[in-house]
Amino acid sequence: MSKYQCKCGGLILPDFDSFKIGDEVNFMIEKRKVIDGGMINVQQNARTGIISKIDGDDISVQSNKKTYELFRYGITPKDAPGPIEYFRLGKCRCELDQEQKPCEE
């Protein structure tokens, strides 16, 4: 079992404050295109890259000779599940479930 997988079935979020220059990360690129009838075509691609610069919550990532300006919480470490997996499986709710107390009648 991965250190990012919880026994409840959800995924444990990585430590977003531990990123440093040179770390390999997963991220997602989204392209939007207006098509006929006012509809919008959205294309998402998962990518990997290496952190080249950190300025607060703004992180620059090099991937395939391109530099992407990303938000700290939109990337995950290389060994962690990618953003698509977090959307698909959801994050761990164990802490929230423990905080909820049964209603007393």
N, C-alpha and C. Protein backbone atom coordinates (compact mmCIF):
# COMPACT_ATOMS: atom_id res chain seq x y z
N MET A 1 0.85 -1.19 0.00
CA MET A 1 0.00 0.00 0.00
C MET A 1 0.89 1.25 0.00
N SER A 2 0.62 2.18 -0.87
CA SER A 2 1.37 3.43 -0.99
C SER A 2 1.19 4.29 0.27
N LYS A 3 2.18 5.13 0.55
CA LYS A 3 2.05 6.01 1.72
C LYS A 3 0.98 7.08 1.49
N TYR A 4 0.47 7.17 0.28
CA TYR A 4 -0.59 8.14 -0.03
C TYR A 4 -1.97 7.50 -0.05
N GLN A 5 -2.05 6.20 0.21
CA GLN A 5 -3.35 5.51 0.18
C GLN A 5 -3.78 5.17 1.61
N CYS A 6 -5.00 5.55 1.97
CA CYS A 6 -5.52 5.30 3.31
C CYS A 6 -6.36 4.03 3.31
N LYS A 7 -6.48 3.42 4.47
CA LYS A 7 -7.28 2.19 4.58
C LYS A 7 -8.76 2.45 4.33
N CYS A 8 -9.19 3.73 4.42
CA CYS A 8 -10.60 4.06 4.16
C CYS A 8 -10.92 4.07 2.67
N GLY A 9 -9.88 4.01 1.83
CA GLY A 9 -10.09 4.01 0.39
C GLY A 9 -9.77 5.34 -0.26
N GLY A 10 -9.62 6.39 0.53
CA GLY A 10 -9.28 7.70 0.00
C GLY A 10 -7.77 7.87 -0.15
N LEU A 11 -7.38 9.00 -0.67
CA LEU A 11 -5.96 9.30 -0.85
C LEU A 11 -5.52 10.37 0.15
N ILE A 12 -4.35 10.17 0.73
CA ILE A 12 -3.79 11.12 1.69
C ILE A 12 -3.08 12.22 0.90
N LEU A 13 -3.36 13.46 1.24
CA LEU A 13 -2.74 14.59 0.55
C LEU A 13 -1.26 14.68 0.90
N PRO A 14 -0.42 15.08 -0.06
CA PRO A 14 1.01 15.24 0.22
C PRO A 14 1.25 16.49 1.05
N ASP A 15 2.47 16.62 1.56
CA ASP A 15 2.88 17.81 2.31
C ASP A 15 3.27 18.88 1.27
N PHE A 16 2.37 19.80 1.00
CA PHE A 16 2.59 20.81 -0.04
C PHE A 16 3.70 21.79 0.32
N ASP A 17 4.04 21.91 1.61
CA ASP A 17 5.08 22.85 2.03
C ASP A 17 6.49 22.27 1.87
N SER A 18 6.61 20.99 1.55
CA SER A 18 7.93 20.36 1.48
C SER A 18 8.57 20.42 0.09
N PHE A 19 7.92 21.04 -0.90
CA PHE A 19 8.50 21.12 -2.24
C PHE A 19 9.77 21.96 -2.21
N LYS A 20 10.78 21.52 -2.99
CA LYS A 20 12.01 22.30 -3.12
C LYS A 20 12.50 22.22 -4.56
N ILE A 21 13.37 23.13 -4.93
CA ILE A 21 13.90 23.17 -6.29
C ILE A 21 14.58 21.85 -6.61
N GLY A 22 14.29 21.31 -7.78
CA GLY A 22 14.86 20.03 -8.21
C GLY A 22 13.94 18.85 -8.00
N ASP A 23 12.85 19.03 -7.24
CA ASP A 23 11.89 17.93 -7.03
C ASP A 23 11.15 17.62 -8.32
N GLU A 24 10.89 16.34 -8.56
CA GLU A 24 10.09 15.92 -9.71
C GLU A 24 8.63 15.86 -9.27
N VAL A 25 7.74 16.46 -10.04
CA VAL A 25 6.33 16.58 -9.65
C VAL A 25 5.39 16.22 -10.79
N ASN A 26 4.14 15.90 -10.42
CA ASN A 26 3.03 15.69 -11.36
C ASN A 26 2.20 16.97 -11.40
N PHE A 27 1.66 17.30 -12.55
CA PHE A 27 0.74 18.42 -12.66
C PHE A 27 -0.16 18.23 -13.86
N MET A 28 -1.14 19.10 -14.00
CA MET A 28 -2.11 18.97 -15.08
C MET A 28 -2.17 20.28 -15.87
N ILE A 29 -2.24 20.14 -17.18
CA ILE A 29 -2.40 21.28 -18.07
C ILE A 29 -3.81 21.19 -18.66
N GLU A 30 -4.52 22.31 -18.66
CA GLU A 30 -5.88 22.34 -19.18
C GLU A 30 -5.97 23.36 -20.31
N LYS A 31 -6.51 22.93 -21.44
CA LYS A 31 -6.72 23.82 -22.58
C LYS A 31 -8.22 23.91 -22.83
N ARG A 32 -8.70 25.13 -23.06
CA ARG A 32 -10.12 25.34 -23.35
C ARG A 32 -10.26 25.98 -24.72
N LYS A 33 -11.28 25.52 -25.46
CA LYS A 33 -11.51 26.03 -26.80
C LYS A 33 -13.01 26.17 -27.00
N VAL A 34 -13.44 27.35 -27.43
CA VAL A 34 -14.86 27.59 -27.71
C VAL A 34 -15.19 26.94 -29.05
N ILE A 35 -16.25 26.12 -29.04
CA ILE A 35 -16.68 25.47 -30.28
C ILE A 35 -18.10 25.93 -30.61
N ASP A 36 -18.67 25.41 -31.67
CA ASP A 36 -19.99 25.82 -32.14
C ASP A 36 -21.05 25.76 -31.05
N GLY A 37 -22.02 26.65 -31.13
CA GLY A 37 -23.16 26.66 -30.23
C GLY A 37 -22.83 27.13 -28.82
N GLY A 38 -21.71 27.83 -28.66
CA GLY A 38 -21.35 28.34 -27.34
C GLY A 38 -20.78 27.28 -26.41
N MET A 39 -20.55 26.08 -26.93
CA MET A 39 -19.99 25.01 -26.10
C MET A 39 -18.48 25.20 -25.97
N ILE A 40 -17.93 24.64 -24.91
CA ILE A 40 -16.49 24.75 -24.67
C ILE A 40 -15.90 23.35 -24.61
N ASN A 41 -14.85 23.15 -25.38
CA ASN A 41 -14.12 21.89 -25.37
C ASN A 41 -12.97 22.03 -24.38
N VAL A 42 -12.88 21.11 -23.40
CA VAL A 42 -11.82 21.16 -22.39
C VAL A 42 -10.95 19.92 -22.55
N GLN A 43 -9.64 20.15 -22.66
CA GLN A 43 -8.69 19.06 -22.80
C GLN A 43 -7.72 19.12 -21.63
N GLN A 44 -7.59 18.01 -20.89
CA GLN A 44 -6.67 17.96 -19.75
C GLN A 44 -5.58 16.93 -20.02
N ASN A 45 -4.35 17.32 -19.73
CA ASN A 45 -3.21 16.42 -19.90
C ASN A 45 -2.40 16.36 -18.62
N ALA A 46 -2.11 15.16 -18.14
CA ALA A 46 -1.25 14.99 -16.97
C ALA A 46 0.20 15.05 -17.45
N ARG A 47 1.03 15.77 -16.71
CA ARG A 47 2.44 15.93 -17.06
C ARG A 47 3.31 15.72 -15.84
N THR A 48 4.60 15.51 -16.07
CA THR A 48 5.59 15.50 -15.00
C THR A 48 6.66 16.51 -15.36
N GLY A 49 7.32 17.03 -14.35
CA GLY A 49 8.37 18.00 -14.58
C GLY A 49 9.22 18.20 -13.33
N ILE A 50 10.18 19.11 -13.43
CA ILE A 50 11.09 19.38 -12.33
C ILE A 50 10.94 20.84 -11.90
N ILE A 51 10.83 21.06 -10.59
CA ILE A 51 10.68 22.41 -10.05
C ILE A 51 11.96 23.20 -10.29
N SER A 52 11.83 24.38 -10.93
CA SER A 52 12.99 25.22 -11.22
C SER A 52 13.01 26.50 -10.39
N LYS A 53 11.86 26.91 -9.85
CA LYS A 53 11.80 28.15 -9.07
C LYS A 53 10.59 28.10 -8.15
N ILE A 54 10.76 28.62 -6.93
CA ILE A 54 9.66 28.71 -5.97
C ILE A 54 9.60 30.13 -5.45
N ASP A 55 8.42 30.75 -5.58
CA ASP A 55 8.20 32.10 -5.08
C ASP A 55 6.88 32.09 -4.32
N GLY A 56 6.94 31.79 -3.02
CA GLY A 56 5.72 31.68 -2.23
C GLY A 56 4.91 30.48 -2.70
N ASP A 57 3.68 30.73 -3.11
CA ASP A 57 2.82 29.65 -3.61
C ASP A 57 2.91 29.49 -5.13
N ASP A 58 3.71 30.32 -5.79
CA ASP A 58 3.91 30.21 -7.23
C ASP A 58 5.16 29.37 -7.50
N ILE A 59 4.98 28.32 -8.29
CA ILE A 59 6.08 27.39 -8.56
C ILE A 59 6.26 27.25 -10.07
N SER A 60 7.51 27.38 -10.53
CA SER A 60 7.85 27.18 -11.94
C SER A 60 8.34 25.75 -12.12
N VAL A 61 7.78 25.07 -13.12
CA VAL A 61 8.13 23.68 -13.39
C VAL A 61 8.58 23.55 -14.84
N GLN A 62 9.75 22.91 -15.04
CA GLN A 62 10.28 22.64 -16.38
C GLN A 62 9.79 21.26 -16.82
N SER A 63 9.20 21.21 -18.02
CA SER A 63 8.75 19.93 -18.58
C SER A 63 8.85 20.01 -20.10
N ASN A 64 9.58 19.08 -20.70
CA ASN A 64 9.73 19.04 -22.16
C ASN A 64 10.14 20.39 -22.73
N LYS A 65 11.16 21.00 -22.17
CA LYS A 65 11.73 22.28 -22.64
C LYS A 65 10.78 23.46 -22.50
N LYS A 66 9.67 23.31 -21.76
CA LYS A 66 8.75 24.41 -21.51
C LYS A 66 8.72 24.68 -20.02
N THR A 67 8.45 25.94 -19.66
CA THR A 67 8.31 26.30 -18.26
C THR A 67 6.85 26.62 -17.99
N TYR A 68 6.30 25.98 -16.97
CA TYR A 68 4.91 26.19 -16.57
C TYR A 68 4.88 26.90 -15.23
N GLU A 69 4.06 27.94 -15.12
CA GLU A 69 3.86 28.65 -13.85
C GLU A 69 2.64 28.03 -13.19
N LEU A 70 2.84 27.39 -12.04
CA LEU A 70 1.78 26.64 -11.38
C LEU A 70 1.59 27.10 -9.95
N PHE A 71 0.45 26.74 -9.38
CA PHE A 71 0.12 27.03 -7.99
C PHE A 71 0.56 25.84 -7.13
N ARG A 72 1.12 26.11 -5.97
CA ARG A 72 1.66 25.07 -5.09
C ARG A 72 0.71 23.90 -4.87
N TYR A 73 -0.58 24.18 -4.71
CA TYR A 73 -1.54 23.13 -4.38
C TYR A 73 -2.10 22.43 -5.61
N GLY A 74 -1.59 22.76 -6.80
CA GLY A 74 -2.02 22.11 -8.03
C GLY A 74 -1.02 21.08 -8.52
N ILE A 75 0.04 20.83 -7.73
CA ILE A 75 1.03 19.84 -8.11
C ILE A 75 1.17 18.80 -7.00
N THR A 76 1.67 17.63 -7.36
CA THR A 76 1.91 16.58 -6.37
C THR A 76 3.29 15.98 -6.61
N PRO A 77 3.92 15.41 -5.58
CA PRO A 77 5.23 14.76 -5.78
C PRO A 77 5.13 13.63 -6.80
N LYS A 78 6.24 13.31 -7.45
CA LYS A 78 6.27 12.29 -8.50
C LYS A 78 5.75 10.94 -8.02
N ASP A 79 6.05 10.56 -6.76
CA ASP A 79 5.61 9.25 -6.26
C ASP A 79 4.18 9.26 -5.73
N ALA A 80 3.55 10.43 -5.69
CA ALA A 80 2.16 10.54 -5.23
C ALA A 80 1.22 10.39 -6.42
N PRO A 81 -0.04 10.06 -6.15
CA PRO A 81 -1.02 10.02 -7.25
C PRO A 81 -1.13 11.41 -7.89
N GLY A 82 -1.44 11.45 -9.16
CA GLY A 82 -1.60 12.72 -9.85
C GLY A 82 -2.93 13.37 -9.52
N PRO A 83 -3.11 14.62 -9.95
CA PRO A 83 -4.35 15.35 -9.67
C PRO A 83 -5.61 14.61 -10.14
N ILE A 84 -5.53 13.91 -11.25
CA ILE A 84 -6.71 13.19 -11.77
C ILE A 84 -7.14 12.11 -10.79
N GLU A 85 -6.18 11.42 -10.18
CA GLU A 85 -6.51 10.37 -9.20
C GLU A 85 -7.19 10.94 -7.97
N TYR A 86 -6.76 12.12 -7.52
CA TYR A 86 -7.41 12.74 -6.37
C TYR A 86 -8.86 13.10 -6.70
N PHE A 87 -9.11 13.56 -7.93
CA PHE A 87 -10.49 13.85 -8.35
C PHE A 87 -11.31 12.56 -8.41
N ARG A 88 -10.70 11.50 -8.92
CA ARG A 88 -11.41 10.24 -9.14
C ARG A 88 -11.70 9.49 -7.84
N LEU A 89 -10.71 9.37 -6.97
CA LEU A 89 -10.87 8.58 -5.74
C LEU A 89 -11.27 9.41 -4.52
N GLY A 90 -10.91 10.67 -4.51
CA GLY A 90 -11.21 11.51 -3.36
C GLY A 90 -10.12 11.42 -2.31
N LYS A 91 -10.13 12.39 -1.41
CA LYS A 91 -9.11 12.39 -0.37
C LYS A 91 -9.61 11.69 0.88
N CYS A 92 -8.69 11.31 1.73
CA CYS A 92 -8.99 10.60 2.97
C CYS A 92 -9.90 11.44 3.85
N ARG A 93 -10.91 10.79 4.42
CA ARG A 93 -11.87 11.49 5.28
C ARG A 93 -11.83 10.98 6.72
N CYS A 94 -10.84 10.18 7.05
CA CYS A 94 -10.78 9.57 8.39
C CYS A 94 -10.83 10.63 9.50
N GLU A 95 -10.05 11.70 9.35
CA GLU A 95 -10.02 12.76 10.37
C GLU A 95 -11.39 13.40 10.53
N LEU A 96 -12.06 13.67 9.43
CA LEU A 96 -13.39 14.27 9.48
C LEU A 96 -14.40 13.32 10.12
N ASP A 97 -14.31 12.04 9.78
CA ASP A 97 -15.24 11.06 10.35
C ASP A 97 -15.07 10.92 11.86
N GLN A 98 -13.84 11.04 12.36
CA GLN A 98 -13.59 10.95 13.79
C GLN A 98 -14.12 12.17 14.53
N GLU A 99 -14.08 13.34 13.86
CA GLU A 99 -14.56 14.58 14.49
C GLU A 99 -16.07 14.60 14.63
N GLN A 100 -16.78 13.92 13.73
CA GLN A 100 -18.24 13.91 13.78
C GLN A 100 -18.70 12.99 14.91
N LYS A 101 -19.56 13.52 15.73
CA LYS A 101 -20.08 12.73 16.84
C LYS A 101 -21.51 12.35 16.53
N PRO A 102 -21.92 11.17 16.95
CA PRO A 102 -23.30 10.77 16.69
C PRO A 102 -24.29 11.69 17.41
N CYS A 103 -25.41 11.92 16.78
CA CYS A 103 -26.46 12.77 17.38
C CYS A 103 -27.05 12.07 18.60
N GLU A 104 -27.21 12.82 19.65
CA GLU A 104 -27.84 12.26 20.85
C GLU A 104 -29.32 12.59 20.81
N GLU A 105 -30.12 11.59 21.08
CA GLU A 105 -31.57 11.79 21.02
C GLU A 105 -32.13 12.06 22.39
